Amino acid sequence: MSPATVQAEAQNGACGDPRRADGPAALEAIVALRALVWRSERDVIDAAKLSPDASLFRDAGDARALHWTIEADGSVVAAARLCLQTDAGDLPGGERFGRLLAGLPTPVALLSRLVVHPAMRRRGLAQALTEVRMEAARSWGARSIVVEASPRRIAPLLALGFVELGLSAAEPFDLAAFTLMALRL
């Protein structure tokens, strides 16, 4: 989506509803949005430490995850993924959570990789993607949901009933502390 198109969409608020995204083309669009968003998150991520290729923006969890997107004018402007595991230690990034996952009922769902185009923020897109993934986790039999939250996502997640479990181990590019949060279903 061109900057002019994003600006026009941001002004008129025209966005679709969250929908499941499948296939290589959808994942490429999601990865491109992740790269754009994470490189612009100067208060959260040190962009100079991000890989110049797409290796950071795509991981092995993408292949076994379910993805949702929101589009505006045919382009992905928000995206998020959901992973469901019978063993919490098998969650993507689970090695950073360590003891924080102890005692959570399984199967456990991980809400992750939430990104919203900077020009499309403050429109409820993150909330819509969070709610659709929570409902999917419930319908697939998850007994708990976890999310690694940036500082600005903590309050909305607390409002949905999540509790803070503690700080997750930092990535080398993190400028802000991420909090692991959980919701027992």
N, C-alpha and C. Protein backbone atom coordinates (compact mmCIF):
# COMPACT_ATOMS: atom_id res chain seq x y z
N MET A 1 0.85 -1.17 0.00
CA MET A 1 0.00 0.00 0.00
C MET A 1 0.90 1.23 0.00
N SER A 2 0.62 2.16 -0.87
CA SER A 2 1.43 3.36 -0.96
C SER A 2 1.17 4.26 0.25
N PRO A 3 2.15 5.12 0.59
CA PRO A 3 1.93 6.03 1.72
C PRO A 3 0.69 6.90 1.53
N ALA A 4 0.42 7.35 0.30
CA ALA A 4 -0.76 8.18 0.05
C ALA A 4 -2.04 7.39 0.29
N THR A 5 -2.07 6.12 -0.12
CA THR A 5 -3.25 5.28 0.08
C THR A 5 -3.47 5.03 1.57
N VAL A 6 -2.39 4.74 2.30
CA VAL A 6 -2.51 4.52 3.74
C VAL A 6 -3.06 5.77 4.40
N GLN A 7 -2.54 6.93 4.02
CA GLN A 7 -3.02 8.18 4.62
C GLN A 7 -4.50 8.39 4.33
N ALA A 8 -4.93 8.13 3.09
CA ALA A 8 -6.34 8.28 2.73
C ALA A 8 -7.21 7.31 3.52
N GLU A 9 -6.78 6.06 3.63
CA GLU A 9 -7.53 5.07 4.39
C GLU A 9 -7.58 5.45 5.87
N ALA A 10 -6.48 5.98 6.38
CA ALA A 10 -6.44 6.38 7.79
C ALA A 10 -7.44 7.51 8.04
N GLN A 11 -7.59 8.41 7.08
CA GLN A 11 -8.50 9.53 7.26
C GLN A 11 -9.96 9.10 7.19
N ASN A 12 -10.29 8.15 6.29
CA ASN A 12 -11.69 7.76 6.18
C ASN A 12 -12.04 6.52 6.99
N GLY A 13 -11.04 5.86 7.56
CA GLY A 13 -11.29 4.75 8.46
C GLY A 13 -11.79 3.48 7.81
N ALA A 14 -11.69 3.34 6.50
CA ALA A 14 -12.21 2.17 5.79
C ALA A 14 -11.30 0.96 5.96
N CYS A 15 -11.73 0.02 6.79
CA CYS A 15 -10.99 -1.22 7.01
C CYS A 15 -11.98 -2.37 7.04
N GLY A 16 -11.51 -3.52 6.62
CA GLY A 16 -12.35 -4.70 6.72
C GLY A 16 -12.28 -5.30 8.10
N ASP A 17 -13.02 -6.39 8.29
CA ASP A 17 -12.99 -7.14 9.53
C ASP A 17 -11.82 -8.11 9.52
N PRO A 18 -11.39 -8.58 10.69
CA PRO A 18 -10.33 -9.60 10.71
C PRO A 18 -10.77 -10.84 9.93
N ARG A 19 -9.85 -11.39 9.16
CA ARG A 19 -10.14 -12.63 8.45
C ARG A 19 -8.91 -13.51 8.49
N ARG A 20 -9.16 -14.82 8.43
CA ARG A 20 -8.06 -15.78 8.40
C ARG A 20 -7.25 -15.57 7.13
N ALA A 21 -5.95 -15.66 7.27
CA ALA A 21 -5.04 -15.49 6.14
C ALA A 21 -4.28 -16.79 5.93
N ASP A 22 -4.39 -17.35 4.75
CA ASP A 22 -3.72 -18.61 4.42
C ASP A 22 -2.91 -18.46 3.15
N GLY A 23 -1.86 -19.24 3.05
CA GLY A 23 -1.09 -19.32 1.82
C GLY A 23 0.15 -18.45 1.82
N PRO A 24 1.06 -18.75 0.90
CA PRO A 24 2.34 -18.03 0.83
C PRO A 24 2.20 -16.54 0.56
N ALA A 25 1.28 -16.14 -0.31
CA ALA A 25 1.14 -14.72 -0.62
C ALA A 25 0.67 -13.94 0.61
N ALA A 26 -0.26 -14.51 1.35
CA ALA A 26 -0.73 -13.85 2.57
C ALA A 26 0.39 -13.71 3.58
N LEU A 27 1.18 -14.78 3.76
CA LEU A 27 2.28 -14.71 4.71
C LEU A 27 3.33 -13.69 4.27
N GLU A 28 3.59 -13.58 2.99
CA GLU A 28 4.54 -12.56 2.51
C GLU A 28 4.05 -11.16 2.84
N ALA A 29 2.76 -10.91 2.68
CA ALA A 29 2.21 -9.60 3.01
C ALA A 29 2.32 -9.33 4.51
N ILE A 30 2.09 -10.35 5.31
CA ILE A 30 2.21 -10.21 6.77
C ILE A 30 3.66 -9.92 7.15
N VAL A 31 4.60 -10.65 6.58
CA VAL A 31 6.02 -10.45 6.89
C VAL A 31 6.46 -9.04 6.48
N ALA A 32 5.99 -8.56 5.34
CA ALA A 32 6.33 -7.21 4.90
C ALA A 32 5.78 -6.17 5.88
N LEU A 33 4.57 -6.39 6.39
CA LEU A 33 4.01 -5.45 7.36
C LEU A 33 4.79 -5.50 8.67
N ARG A 34 5.16 -6.70 9.11
CA ARG A 34 5.98 -6.81 10.33
C ARG A 34 7.26 -6.00 10.18
N ALA A 35 7.93 -6.14 9.04
CA ALA A 35 9.19 -5.42 8.82
C ALA A 35 8.97 -3.91 8.89
N LEU A 36 7.93 -3.44 8.23
CA LEU A 36 7.64 -2.01 8.23
C LEU A 36 7.35 -1.51 9.65
N VAL A 37 6.50 -2.23 10.37
CA VAL A 37 6.10 -1.80 11.71
C VAL A 37 7.25 -1.89 12.69
N TRP A 38 7.93 -3.02 12.74
CA TRP A 38 8.99 -3.19 13.73
C TRP A 38 10.16 -2.25 13.49
N ARG A 39 10.42 -1.90 12.26
CA ARG A 39 11.49 -0.93 11.98
C ARG A 39 11.08 0.48 12.40
N SER A 40 9.78 0.72 12.55
CA SER A 40 9.31 2.06 12.94
C SER A 40 9.08 2.18 14.45
N GLU A 41 9.19 1.10 15.19
CA GLU A 41 8.92 1.09 16.64
C GLU A 41 10.15 1.56 17.41
N ARG A 42 10.53 2.79 17.27
CA ARG A 42 11.79 3.29 17.84
C ARG A 42 11.83 3.30 19.35
N ASP A 43 10.66 3.30 20.00
CA ASP A 43 10.63 3.28 21.46
C ASP A 43 10.63 1.85 22.02
N VAL A 44 10.45 0.86 21.15
CA VAL A 44 10.34 -0.52 21.59
C VAL A 44 11.48 -1.39 21.06
N ILE A 45 11.90 -1.11 19.82
CA ILE A 45 12.89 -1.96 19.15
C ILE A 45 14.03 -1.11 18.61
N ASP A 46 15.27 -1.58 18.80
CA ASP A 46 16.44 -0.94 18.24
C ASP A 46 16.59 -1.45 16.81
N ALA A 47 16.09 -0.67 15.84
CA ALA A 47 16.07 -1.09 14.43
C ALA A 47 17.46 -1.38 13.89
N ALA A 48 18.48 -0.74 14.44
CA ALA A 48 19.84 -0.98 13.97
C ALA A 48 20.28 -2.41 14.25
N LYS A 49 19.65 -3.07 15.23
CA LYS A 49 20.01 -4.45 15.58
C LYS A 49 19.14 -5.48 14.87
N LEU A 50 18.19 -5.02 14.07
CA LEU A 50 17.34 -5.96 13.33
C LEU A 50 18.10 -6.49 12.12
N SER A 51 17.83 -7.72 11.78
CA SER A 51 18.44 -8.35 10.62
C SER A 51 18.00 -7.63 9.35
N PRO A 52 18.93 -7.38 8.40
CA PRO A 52 18.53 -6.72 7.16
C PRO A 52 17.67 -7.62 6.26
N ASP A 53 17.75 -8.93 6.47
CA ASP A 53 16.89 -9.83 5.69
C ASP A 53 15.60 -10.08 6.48
N ALA A 54 14.79 -10.97 6.03
CA ALA A 54 13.49 -11.21 6.66
C ALA A 54 13.53 -12.27 7.75
N SER A 55 14.73 -12.71 8.16
CA SER A 55 14.81 -13.82 9.10
C SER A 55 14.16 -13.50 10.45
N LEU A 56 14.21 -12.28 10.89
CA LEU A 56 13.60 -11.91 12.16
C LEU A 56 12.09 -11.80 12.02
N PHE A 57 11.64 -11.39 10.86
CA PHE A 57 10.24 -11.10 10.66
C PHE A 57 9.42 -12.35 10.37
N ARG A 58 10.09 -13.48 10.14
CA ARG A 58 9.45 -14.76 9.89
C ARG A 58 10.20 -15.80 10.72
N ASP A 59 9.47 -16.70 11.37
CA ASP A 59 10.13 -17.76 12.11
C ASP A 59 9.41 -19.08 11.90
N ALA A 60 9.94 -20.13 12.48
CA ALA A 60 9.37 -21.47 12.30
C ALA A 60 7.93 -21.53 12.80
N GLY A 61 7.59 -20.71 13.76
CA GLY A 61 6.23 -20.70 14.27
C GLY A 61 5.19 -20.29 13.24
N ASP A 62 5.61 -19.52 12.23
CA ASP A 62 4.66 -19.09 11.19
C ASP A 62 4.05 -20.26 10.43
N ALA A 63 4.84 -21.29 10.20
CA ALA A 63 4.36 -22.43 9.41
C ALA A 63 3.27 -23.21 10.13
N ARG A 64 3.32 -23.24 11.45
CA ARG A 64 2.32 -24.03 12.19
C ARG A 64 1.29 -23.16 12.90
N ALA A 65 1.30 -21.88 12.62
CA ALA A 65 0.38 -20.95 13.26
C ALA A 65 -0.81 -20.64 12.37
N LEU A 66 -1.83 -20.07 12.99
CA LEU A 66 -2.96 -19.51 12.26
C LEU A 66 -2.78 -18.00 12.26
N HIS A 67 -3.08 -17.39 11.13
CA HIS A 67 -2.86 -15.96 10.96
C HIS A 67 -4.18 -15.26 10.62
N TRP A 68 -4.31 -14.03 11.10
CA TRP A 68 -5.44 -13.18 10.76
C TRP A 68 -4.89 -11.85 10.25
N THR A 69 -5.63 -11.24 9.34
CA THR A 69 -5.26 -9.93 8.82
C THR A 69 -6.50 -9.04 8.77
N ILE A 70 -6.23 -7.75 8.70
CA ILE A 70 -7.25 -6.75 8.39
C ILE A 70 -6.70 -5.97 7.21
N GLU A 71 -7.55 -5.77 6.22
CA GLU A 71 -7.13 -5.08 5.01
C GLU A 71 -7.87 -3.76 4.84
N ALA A 72 -7.21 -2.87 4.14
CA ALA A 72 -7.79 -1.61 3.70
C ALA A 72 -7.33 -1.41 2.25
N ASP A 73 -8.25 -1.20 1.37
CA ASP A 73 -7.94 -0.99 -0.04
C ASP A 73 -7.10 -2.13 -0.61
N GLY A 74 -7.37 -3.35 -0.18
CA GLY A 74 -6.68 -4.52 -0.71
C GLY A 74 -5.31 -4.79 -0.15
N SER A 75 -4.86 -4.00 0.82
CA SER A 75 -3.54 -4.20 1.42
C SER A 75 -3.68 -4.53 2.91
N VAL A 76 -2.79 -5.36 3.39
CA VAL A 76 -2.79 -5.74 4.80
C VAL A 76 -2.30 -4.55 5.63
N VAL A 77 -3.14 -4.11 6.58
CA VAL A 77 -2.77 -2.99 7.46
C VAL A 77 -2.64 -3.41 8.91
N ALA A 78 -3.05 -4.65 9.22
CA ALA A 78 -2.90 -5.19 10.57
C ALA A 78 -2.87 -6.71 10.45
N ALA A 79 -2.08 -7.35 11.31
CA ALA A 79 -1.96 -8.81 11.25
C ALA A 79 -1.57 -9.34 12.62
N ALA A 80 -1.89 -10.60 12.85
CA ALA A 80 -1.54 -11.26 14.11
C ALA A 80 -1.62 -12.77 13.91
N ARG A 81 -0.98 -13.51 14.81
CA ARG A 81 -1.01 -14.96 14.70
C ARG A 81 -1.39 -15.61 16.04
N LEU A 82 -1.78 -16.88 15.92
CA LEU A 82 -2.19 -17.69 17.06
C LEU A 82 -1.53 -19.05 16.92
N CYS A 83 -0.89 -19.50 18.00
CA CYS A 83 -0.32 -20.84 18.05
C CYS A 83 -0.99 -21.57 19.21
N LEU A 84 -1.30 -22.84 19.01
CA LEU A 84 -1.91 -23.66 20.05
C LEU A 84 -1.02 -24.88 20.27
N GLN A 85 -0.63 -25.11 21.53
CA GLN A 85 0.25 -26.23 21.86
C GLN A 85 -0.27 -26.99 23.07
N THR A 86 -0.07 -28.29 23.06
CA THR A 86 -0.44 -29.09 24.23
C THR A 86 0.60 -28.95 25.34
N ASP A 87 1.83 -28.60 24.98
CA ASP A 87 2.91 -28.38 25.94
C ASP A 87 3.36 -26.93 25.81
N ALA A 88 3.20 -26.15 26.87
CA ALA A 88 3.54 -24.73 26.82
C ALA A 88 4.99 -24.50 26.42
N GLY A 89 5.88 -25.43 26.73
CA GLY A 89 7.29 -25.29 26.36
C GLY A 89 7.53 -25.33 24.87
N ASP A 90 6.55 -25.80 24.10
CA ASP A 90 6.68 -25.88 22.64
C ASP A 90 6.21 -24.62 21.93
N LEU A 91 5.74 -23.64 22.66
CA LEU A 91 5.28 -22.41 22.03
C LEU A 91 6.45 -21.68 21.37
N PRO A 92 6.23 -21.03 20.22
CA PRO A 92 7.29 -20.22 19.64
C PRO A 92 7.76 -19.17 20.64
N GLY A 93 9.04 -19.07 20.86
CA GLY A 93 9.60 -18.13 21.82
C GLY A 93 9.50 -18.61 23.25
N GLY A 94 8.99 -19.82 23.45
CA GLY A 94 8.78 -20.35 24.79
C GLY A 94 10.02 -20.37 25.66
N GLU A 95 11.19 -20.47 25.04
CA GLU A 95 12.43 -20.50 25.82
C GLU A 95 12.65 -19.18 26.57
N ARG A 96 12.04 -18.08 26.10
CA ARG A 96 12.17 -16.80 26.79
C ARG A 96 11.23 -16.70 27.99
N PHE A 97 10.21 -17.57 28.04
CA PHE A 97 9.20 -17.47 29.09
C PHE A 97 9.56 -18.27 30.33
N GLY A 98 10.34 -19.34 30.14
CA GLY A 98 10.82 -20.16 31.25
C GLY A 98 9.78 -20.50 32.28
N ARG A 99 10.12 -20.24 33.51
CA ARG A 99 9.29 -20.61 34.66
C ARG A 99 7.96 -19.87 34.69
N LEU A 100 7.82 -18.80 33.94
CA LEU A 100 6.58 -18.02 33.97
C LEU A 100 5.37 -18.83 33.50
N LEU A 101 5.62 -19.86 32.70
CA LEU A 101 4.53 -20.68 32.17
C LEU A 101 4.12 -21.81 33.11
N ALA A 102 4.89 -22.03 34.17
CA ALA A 102 4.61 -23.13 35.09
C ALA A 102 3.21 -23.01 35.68
N GLY A 103 2.49 -24.11 35.66
CA GLY A 103 1.17 -24.16 36.27
C GLY A 103 0.02 -23.73 35.39
N LEU A 104 0.32 -23.24 34.18
CA LEU A 104 -0.79 -22.86 33.31
C LEU A 104 -1.45 -24.11 32.76
N PRO A 105 -2.79 -24.15 32.75
CA PRO A 105 -3.47 -25.31 32.19
C PRO A 105 -3.25 -25.39 30.67
N THR A 106 -3.12 -26.60 30.19
CA THR A 106 -2.92 -26.83 28.77
C THR A 106 -4.15 -27.53 28.19
N PRO A 107 -4.34 -27.42 26.88
CA PRO A 107 -3.50 -26.75 25.89
C PRO A 107 -3.48 -25.24 26.11
N VAL A 108 -2.39 -24.64 25.64
CA VAL A 108 -2.19 -23.21 25.80
C VAL A 108 -2.08 -22.56 24.43
N ALA A 109 -2.70 -21.41 24.29
CA ALA A 109 -2.65 -20.63 23.04
C ALA A 109 -1.73 -19.44 23.26
N LEU A 110 -0.96 -19.12 22.24
CA LEU A 110 -0.08 -17.95 22.27
C LEU A 110 -0.57 -16.96 21.23
N LEU A 111 -0.93 -15.76 21.69
CA LEU A 111 -1.26 -14.66 20.79
C LEU A 111 0.05 -13.91 20.54
N SER A 112 0.46 -13.82 19.29
CA SER A 112 1.76 -13.19 19.03
C SER A 112 1.77 -12.46 17.69
N ARG A 113 2.87 -11.73 17.50
CA ARG A 113 3.16 -11.06 16.23
C ARG A 113 2.07 -10.10 15.78
N LEU A 114 1.48 -9.40 16.74
CA LEU A 114 0.46 -8.40 16.43
C LEU A 114 1.15 -7.14 15.90
N VAL A 115 0.75 -6.73 14.70
CA VAL A 115 1.29 -5.50 14.10
C VAL A 115 0.15 -4.72 13.45
N VAL A 116 0.21 -3.40 13.61
CA VAL A 116 -0.75 -2.50 12.98
C VAL A 116 0.05 -1.39 12.31
N HIS A 117 -0.25 -1.14 11.03
CA HIS A 117 0.43 -0.06 10.31
C HIS A 117 0.33 1.23 11.13
N PRO A 118 1.43 1.97 11.27
CA PRO A 118 1.40 3.18 12.11
C PRO A 118 0.29 4.17 11.75
N ALA A 119 -0.05 4.31 10.48
CA ALA A 119 -1.10 5.25 10.08
C ALA A 119 -2.50 4.74 10.39
N MET A 120 -2.62 3.47 10.79
CA MET A 120 -3.94 2.87 11.02
C MET A 120 -4.21 2.59 12.51
N ARG A 121 -3.39 3.14 13.37
CA ARG A 121 -3.55 2.89 14.81
C ARG A 121 -4.68 3.72 15.41
N ARG A 122 -5.09 3.32 16.59
CA ARG A 122 -6.15 3.99 17.36
C ARG A 122 -7.50 3.85 16.67
N ARG A 123 -7.73 2.72 16.00
CA ARG A 123 -8.99 2.43 15.32
C ARG A 123 -9.60 1.12 15.81
N GLY A 124 -8.99 0.51 16.83
CA GLY A 124 -9.52 -0.74 17.35
C GLY A 124 -9.07 -1.99 16.61
N LEU A 125 -8.11 -1.84 15.69
CA LEU A 125 -7.67 -3.00 14.91
C LEU A 125 -6.95 -4.03 15.78
N ALA A 126 -6.09 -3.58 16.68
CA ALA A 126 -5.39 -4.51 17.57
C ALA A 126 -6.40 -5.23 18.46
N GLN A 127 -7.38 -4.52 18.96
CA GLN A 127 -8.41 -5.12 19.81
C GLN A 127 -9.21 -6.16 19.01
N ALA A 128 -9.57 -5.84 17.78
CA ALA A 128 -10.35 -6.77 16.95
C ALA A 128 -9.55 -8.04 16.69
N LEU A 129 -8.26 -7.90 16.40
CA LEU A 129 -7.42 -9.09 16.16
C LEU A 129 -7.24 -9.90 17.44
N THR A 130 -7.12 -9.23 18.57
CA THR A 130 -6.99 -9.93 19.84
C THR A 130 -8.26 -10.72 20.14
N GLU A 131 -9.39 -10.11 19.98
CA GLU A 131 -10.66 -10.77 20.29
C GLU A 131 -10.94 -11.96 19.37
N VAL A 132 -10.66 -11.83 18.08
CA VAL A 132 -10.92 -12.95 17.16
C VAL A 132 -9.99 -14.12 17.47
N ARG A 133 -8.75 -13.84 17.88
CA ARG A 133 -7.84 -14.92 18.22
C ARG A 133 -8.22 -15.56 19.56
N MET A 134 -8.70 -14.76 20.50
CA MET A 134 -9.16 -15.33 21.77
C MET A 134 -10.34 -16.28 21.54
N GLU A 135 -11.27 -15.87 20.70
CA GLU A 135 -12.42 -16.73 20.40
C GLU A 135 -11.98 -18.02 19.70
N ALA A 136 -11.03 -17.91 18.79
CA ALA A 136 -10.52 -19.11 18.12
C ALA A 136 -9.84 -20.04 19.12
N ALA A 137 -9.06 -19.48 20.03
CA ALA A 137 -8.39 -20.30 21.05
C ALA A 137 -9.42 -21.04 21.90
N ARG A 138 -10.47 -20.35 22.30
CA ARG A 138 -11.52 -20.99 23.09
C ARG A 138 -12.18 -22.12 22.30
N SER A 139 -12.51 -21.84 21.04
CA SER A 139 -13.22 -22.84 20.24
C SER A 139 -12.36 -24.06 19.94
N TRP A 140 -11.05 -23.92 19.98
CA TRP A 140 -10.15 -25.05 19.72
C TRP A 140 -9.72 -25.75 20.99
N GLY A 141 -10.30 -25.35 22.11
CA GLY A 141 -10.07 -26.08 23.34
C GLY A 141 -8.91 -25.62 24.20
N ALA A 142 -8.38 -24.43 23.95
CA ALA A 142 -7.31 -23.91 24.81
C ALA A 142 -7.86 -23.72 26.22
N ARG A 143 -7.04 -24.01 27.20
CA ARG A 143 -7.43 -23.80 28.60
C ARG A 143 -6.77 -22.56 29.18
N SER A 144 -5.79 -22.03 28.45
CA SER A 144 -5.18 -20.76 28.84
C SER A 144 -4.63 -20.08 27.58
N ILE A 145 -4.49 -18.78 27.68
CA ILE A 145 -3.95 -17.97 26.58
C ILE A 145 -2.82 -17.14 27.16
N VAL A 146 -1.70 -17.08 26.45
CA VAL A 146 -0.59 -16.23 26.87
C VAL A 146 -0.25 -15.24 25.75
N VAL A 147 0.30 -14.12 26.16
CA VAL A 147 0.74 -13.11 25.21
C VAL A 147 1.94 -12.39 25.81
N GLU A 148 2.92 -12.11 24.98
CA GLU A 148 4.08 -11.32 25.39
C GLU A 148 3.77 -9.89 24.98
N ALA A 149 3.47 -9.04 25.97
CA ALA A 149 2.93 -7.71 25.71
C ALA A 149 3.98 -6.61 25.78
N SER A 150 3.92 -5.73 24.79
CA SER A 150 4.72 -4.51 24.85
C SER A 150 4.06 -3.59 25.88
N PRO A 151 4.76 -2.58 26.36
CA PRO A 151 4.18 -1.70 27.38
C PRO A 151 2.82 -1.12 26.99
N ARG A 152 2.60 -0.76 25.75
CA ARG A 152 1.33 -0.14 25.37
C ARG A 152 0.18 -1.15 25.24
N ARG A 153 0.46 -2.44 25.24
CA ARG A 153 -0.60 -3.46 25.14
C ARG A 153 -1.05 -3.98 26.51
N ILE A 154 -0.33 -3.64 27.57
CA ILE A 154 -0.66 -4.19 28.89
C ILE A 154 -2.06 -3.78 29.34
N ALA A 155 -2.39 -2.50 29.30
CA ALA A 155 -3.70 -2.04 29.79
C ALA A 155 -4.87 -2.67 29.03
N PRO A 156 -4.84 -2.71 27.69
CA PRO A 156 -5.96 -3.36 26.99
C PRO A 156 -6.10 -4.85 27.34
N LEU A 157 -4.99 -5.52 27.57
CA LEU A 157 -5.05 -6.94 27.92
C LEU A 157 -5.56 -7.14 29.35
N LEU A 158 -5.16 -6.27 30.27
CA LEU A 158 -5.71 -6.32 31.63
C LEU A 158 -7.23 -6.16 31.59
N ALA A 159 -7.72 -5.27 30.72
CA ALA A 159 -9.16 -5.03 30.60
C ALA A 159 -9.90 -6.27 30.09
N LEU A 160 -9.19 -7.15 29.38
CA LEU A 160 -9.79 -8.39 28.88
C LEU A 160 -9.67 -9.54 29.88
N GLY A 161 -9.06 -9.27 31.05
CA GLY A 161 -8.95 -10.29 32.08
C GLY A 161 -7.60 -10.96 32.18
N PHE A 162 -6.65 -10.57 31.37
CA PHE A 162 -5.30 -11.13 31.47
C PHE A 162 -4.64 -10.65 32.75
N VAL A 163 -3.71 -11.45 33.26
CA VAL A 163 -2.91 -11.07 34.42
C VAL A 163 -1.44 -11.09 34.03
N GLU A 164 -0.66 -10.26 34.70
CA GLU A 164 0.77 -10.21 34.43
C GLU A 164 1.47 -11.36 35.15
N LEU A 165 2.31 -12.10 34.39
CA LEU A 165 3.08 -13.19 34.98
C LEU A 165 4.50 -12.77 35.31
N GLY A 166 5.00 -11.76 34.62
CA GLY A 166 6.37 -11.28 34.84
C GLY A 166 7.00 -10.89 33.52
N LEU A 167 8.24 -10.42 33.61
CA LEU A 167 8.96 -9.99 32.41
C LEU A 167 9.54 -11.21 31.71
N SER A 168 9.41 -11.21 30.37
CA SER A 168 10.04 -12.28 29.59
C SER A 168 11.49 -11.89 29.32
N ALA A 169 12.30 -12.86 28.98
CA ALA A 169 13.71 -12.59 28.68
C ALA A 169 13.78 -11.73 27.43
N ALA A 170 14.64 -10.73 27.45
CA ALA A 170 14.74 -9.78 26.36
C ALA A 170 15.46 -10.36 25.14
N GLU A 171 15.05 -9.86 23.98
CA GLU A 171 15.77 -10.11 22.73
C GLU A 171 16.86 -9.05 22.61
N PRO A 172 17.91 -9.30 21.82
CA PRO A 172 18.99 -8.31 21.72
C PRO A 172 18.56 -6.95 21.18
N PHE A 173 17.45 -6.89 20.46
CA PHE A 173 16.99 -5.64 19.85
C PHE A 173 15.93 -4.92 20.68
N ASP A 174 15.49 -5.50 21.80
CA ASP A 174 14.44 -4.89 22.61
C ASP A 174 14.95 -3.65 23.34
N LEU A 175 14.20 -2.57 23.25
CA LEU A 175 14.48 -1.37 24.02
C LEU A 175 13.52 -1.26 25.20
N ALA A 176 12.39 -1.93 25.12
CA ALA A 176 11.39 -1.91 26.18
C ALA A 176 11.26 -3.31 26.76
N ALA A 177 10.83 -3.37 28.00
CA ALA A 177 10.58 -4.67 28.65
C ALA A 177 9.23 -5.20 28.18
N PHE A 178 9.20 -6.48 27.84
CA PHE A 178 7.97 -7.14 27.44
C PHE A 178 7.48 -7.99 28.61
N THR A 179 6.18 -7.94 28.85
CA THR A 179 5.56 -8.62 29.97
C THR A 179 4.77 -9.82 29.46
N LEU A 180 5.02 -10.99 30.07
CA LEU A 180 4.23 -12.15 29.73
C LEU A 180 2.94 -12.07 30.52
N MET A 181 1.81 -12.22 29.81
CA MET A 181 0.50 -12.13 30.44
C MET A 181 -0.29 -13.40 30.11
N ALA A 182 -1.21 -13.77 30.98
CA ALA A 182 -1.99 -14.99 30.76
C ALA A 182 -3.44 -14.80 31.14
N LEU A 183 -4.28 -15.58 30.48
CA LEU A 183 -5.69 -15.64 30.78
C LEU A 183 -6.07 -17.10 30.88
N ARG A 184 -6.61 -17.50 32.03
CA ARG A 184 -7.10 -18.88 32.18
C ARG A 184 -8.53 -18.92 31.68
N LEU A 185 -8.82 -19.91 30.88
CA LEU A 185 -10.16 -20.04 30.30
C LEU A 185 -11.00 -21.01 31.10
